Amino acid sequence: MTVNKHRPHLLVLPEDDANRQLANGFDVNVGRRQFQILPPAGGWVQVCDTFASNHATSMQRYAGRFMVLLIDFDGDLNRLGVVKSKIPEDLRDRVFVLGALTRPEGLRQAGLGSYETIGGGIATDCRDDSQAIWEHELLRHNKSELMRLRNAVRDFLFPA
């Protein structure tokens, strides 16, 4: 389902199919026309390239557009800085870089459930301002981005 681009909305650009499935679990718990999952980009570098070539200009056009770049960190915490450096300065407050410290497969192997179940838990944490899933060792590095994301999208994704 496509979003209403004239109202606040969140787009998710996943790196791969596992990340897309995480976003699907989140989507089921949001279920509004203010959330859309884009096709997987095929790698974290491709996420950066796709964002720059296909989404940066439209974000400048639509002030209510927010975006999550959902990547694998592959154990490299410096990746956050690398990805953020590719985001134009005027968009940095509306673009969020999130992902598993290694790969999403690690979350399943840790017993957190299917990708969709994990994504649903992530949505619940965002809605309830809790940390049940986000405090997992493979996700806690997202804390600063998560706080920014919650503040930006809570009112339109999780209205009281």
Protein backbone atom coordinates (compact mmCIF):
# COMPACT_ATOMS: atom_id res chain seq x y z
CA MET A 1 0.00 0.00 0.00
CA THR A 2 1.31 3.45 -0.83
CA VAL A 3 1.31 6.30 1.63
CA ASN A 4 -0.46 9.63 1.39
CA LYS A 5 2.56 11.80 0.60
CA HIS A 6 0.76 14.94 1.77
CA ARG A 7 0.44 13.64 5.34
CA PRO A 8 3.27 12.63 7.67
CA HIS A 9 4.51 9.16 6.76
CA LEU A 10 7.42 6.77 7.23
CA LEU A 11 9.18 4.87 4.45
CA VAL A 12 11.47 1.95 5.22
CA LEU A 13 14.30 1.08 2.83
CA PRO A 14 15.54 -2.40 3.83
CA GLU A 15 18.93 -3.76 2.89
CA ASP A 16 17.71 -7.28 2.17
CA ASP A 17 14.75 -9.64 2.48
CA ALA A 18 15.40 -10.45 6.16
CA ASN A 19 15.21 -6.75 7.00
CA ARG A 20 12.08 -6.44 4.85
CA GLN A 21 10.46 -9.18 6.92
CA LEU A 22 11.37 -7.30 10.13
CA ALA A 23 9.66 -4.24 8.69
CA ASN A 24 6.62 -6.37 7.76
CA GLY A 25 6.17 -7.30 11.41
CA PHE A 26 6.34 -3.64 12.34
CA ASP A 27 3.82 -2.78 9.60
CA VAL A 28 1.25 -5.30 10.86
CA ASN A 29 1.31 -3.52 14.21
CA VAL A 30 0.99 -0.06 12.68
CA GLY A 31 -1.46 -0.84 9.88
CA ARG A 32 -2.00 2.66 8.57
CA ARG A 33 -1.46 4.42 5.27
CA GLN A 34 1.41 6.26 6.92
CA PHE A 35 3.94 3.45 6.67
CA GLN A 36 5.41 1.85 3.56
CA ILE A 37 8.13 -0.74 3.04
CA LEU A 38 10.16 -0.24 -0.12
CA PRO A 39 11.78 -3.09 -2.08
CA PRO A 40 15.09 -4.37 -0.65
CA ALA A 41 18.10 -2.51 -2.01
CA GLY A 42 20.51 -5.46 -2.06
CA GLY A 43 23.16 -4.35 0.45
CA TRP A 44 23.97 -1.48 2.77
CA VAL A 45 25.95 0.39 0.10
CA GLN A 46 22.98 0.03 -2.25
CA VAL A 47 20.71 1.40 0.50
CA CYS A 48 22.86 4.55 0.53
CA ASP A 49 22.91 4.77 -3.25
CA THR A 50 19.16 4.15 -3.60
CA PHE A 51 18.40 6.73 -0.96
CA ALA A 52 20.59 9.34 -2.66
CA SER A 53 19.35 8.66 -6.19
CA ASN A 54 15.66 7.86 -5.59
CA HIS A 55 14.52 9.38 -2.29
CA ALA A 56 16.51 12.42 -1.18
CA THR A 57 14.85 14.78 -3.67
CA SER A 58 11.33 13.61 -2.82
CA MET A 59 12.09 14.03 0.88
CA GLN A 60 13.03 17.64 0.19
CA ARG A 61 9.71 18.06 -1.61
CA TYR A 62 7.56 16.43 1.12
CA ALA A 63 8.37 17.80 4.58
CA GLY A 64 6.23 15.11 6.24
CA ARG A 65 8.28 12.26 4.80
CA PHE A 66 10.51 10.32 7.20
CA MET A 67 12.73 7.40 6.25
CA VAL A 68 14.37 4.45 7.99
CA LEU A 69 17.41 2.97 6.31
CA LEU A 70 17.29 -0.59 7.66
CA ILE A 71 20.73 -2.16 7.31
CA ASP A 72 22.97 -4.88 8.70
CA PHE A 73 25.88 -3.43 10.65
CA ASP A 74 27.91 -6.63 10.09
CA GLY A 75 29.68 -6.00 13.42
CA ASP A 76 30.92 -2.56 12.29
CA LEU A 77 29.67 0.21 14.58
CA ASN A 78 31.45 2.77 12.38
CA ARG A 79 28.90 1.99 9.66
CA LEU A 80 26.38 4.34 11.26
CA GLY A 81 28.70 7.29 10.70
CA VAL A 82 29.49 6.20 7.16
CA VAL A 83 25.81 5.91 6.22
CA LYS A 84 24.86 9.18 7.95
CA SER A 85 27.63 10.99 6.10
CA LYS A 86 25.84 10.16 2.84
CA ILE A 87 22.59 11.80 3.97
CA PRO A 88 22.21 15.47 2.98
CA GLU A 89 22.46 17.76 6.00
CA ASP A 90 18.97 19.20 5.52
CA LEU A 91 17.44 15.68 5.75
CA ARG A 92 19.38 14.23 8.68
CA ASP A 93 16.66 15.00 11.21
CA ARG A 94 14.16 12.91 9.17
CA VAL A 95 16.36 9.93 8.19
CA PHE A 96 17.14 7.17 10.69
CA VAL A 97 19.68 4.37 10.33
CA LEU A 98 18.73 1.20 12.20
CA GLY A 99 19.67 -2.46 12.08
CA ALA A 100 21.04 -5.54 13.75
CA LEU A 101 24.62 -5.31 15.01
CA THR A 102 25.50 -8.36 12.93
CA ARG A 103 22.65 -9.56 10.71
CA PRO A 104 18.92 -10.15 11.35
CA GLU A 105 19.59 -13.90 11.34
CA GLY A 106 21.36 -13.39 14.68
CA LEU A 107 18.14 -12.12 16.21
CA ARG A 108 16.29 -15.28 15.19
CA GLN A 109 19.13 -17.47 16.41
CA ALA A 110 18.97 -15.66 19.76
CA GLY A 111 15.44 -16.99 20.16
CA LEU A 112 13.51 -13.76 19.59
CA GLY A 113 11.16 -15.48 17.12
CA SER A 114 10.46 -15.06 13.44
CA TYR A 115 11.42 -11.83 11.69
CA GLU A 116 7.79 -10.71 11.72
CA THR A 117 7.49 -11.46 15.45
CA ILE A 118 10.65 -9.45 16.13
CA GLY A 119 9.34 -6.58 13.98
CA GLY A 120 6.06 -6.66 15.89
CA GLY A 121 7.97 -6.46 19.17
CA ILE A 122 9.93 -3.51 17.83
CA ALA A 123 6.66 -1.74 16.97
CA THR A 124 5.27 -2.47 20.44
CA ASP A 125 8.42 -1.07 22.02
CA CYS A 126 8.10 2.09 19.92
CA ARG A 127 4.41 2.50 20.77
CA ASP A 128 4.80 1.78 24.50
CA ASP A 129 8.14 3.55 24.95
CA SER A 130 9.59 0.26 26.23
CA GLN A 131 12.85 -1.53 25.54
CA ALA A 132 11.94 -5.25 25.54
CA ILE A 133 13.40 -5.95 22.09
CA TRP A 134 15.65 -2.90 21.70
CA GLU A 135 17.75 -3.78 24.75
CA HIS A 136 18.90 -7.02 23.12
CA GLU A 137 22.68 -7.03 22.64
CA LEU A 138 22.24 -7.10 18.84
CA LEU A 139 19.96 -4.03 18.85
CA ARG A 140 20.98 -1.77 21.75
CA HIS A 141 23.50 0.13 19.60
CA ASN A 142 20.44 1.72 17.91
CA LYS A 143 19.47 3.65 21.05
CA SER A 144 20.23 7.18 19.86
CA GLU A 145 18.60 6.64 16.47
CA LEU A 146 15.62 4.95 18.11
CA MET A 147 15.04 7.91 20.42
CA ARG A 148 15.13 10.29 17.48
CA LEU A 149 12.75 8.05 15.51
CA ARG A 150 10.26 7.72 18.37
CA ASN A 151 10.13 11.48 18.84
CA ALA A 152 9.62 12.06 15.12
CA VAL A 153 6.93 9.49 14.30
CA ARG A 154 5.07 8.62 17.48
CA ASP A 155 2.27 11.16 16.94
CA PHE A 156 1.30 9.95 13.49
CA LEU A 157 2.15 6.22 13.74
CA PHE A 158 0.98 5.63 17.32
CA PRO A 159 -1.59 8.32 18.16
CA ALA A 160 -2.94 8.17 21.70
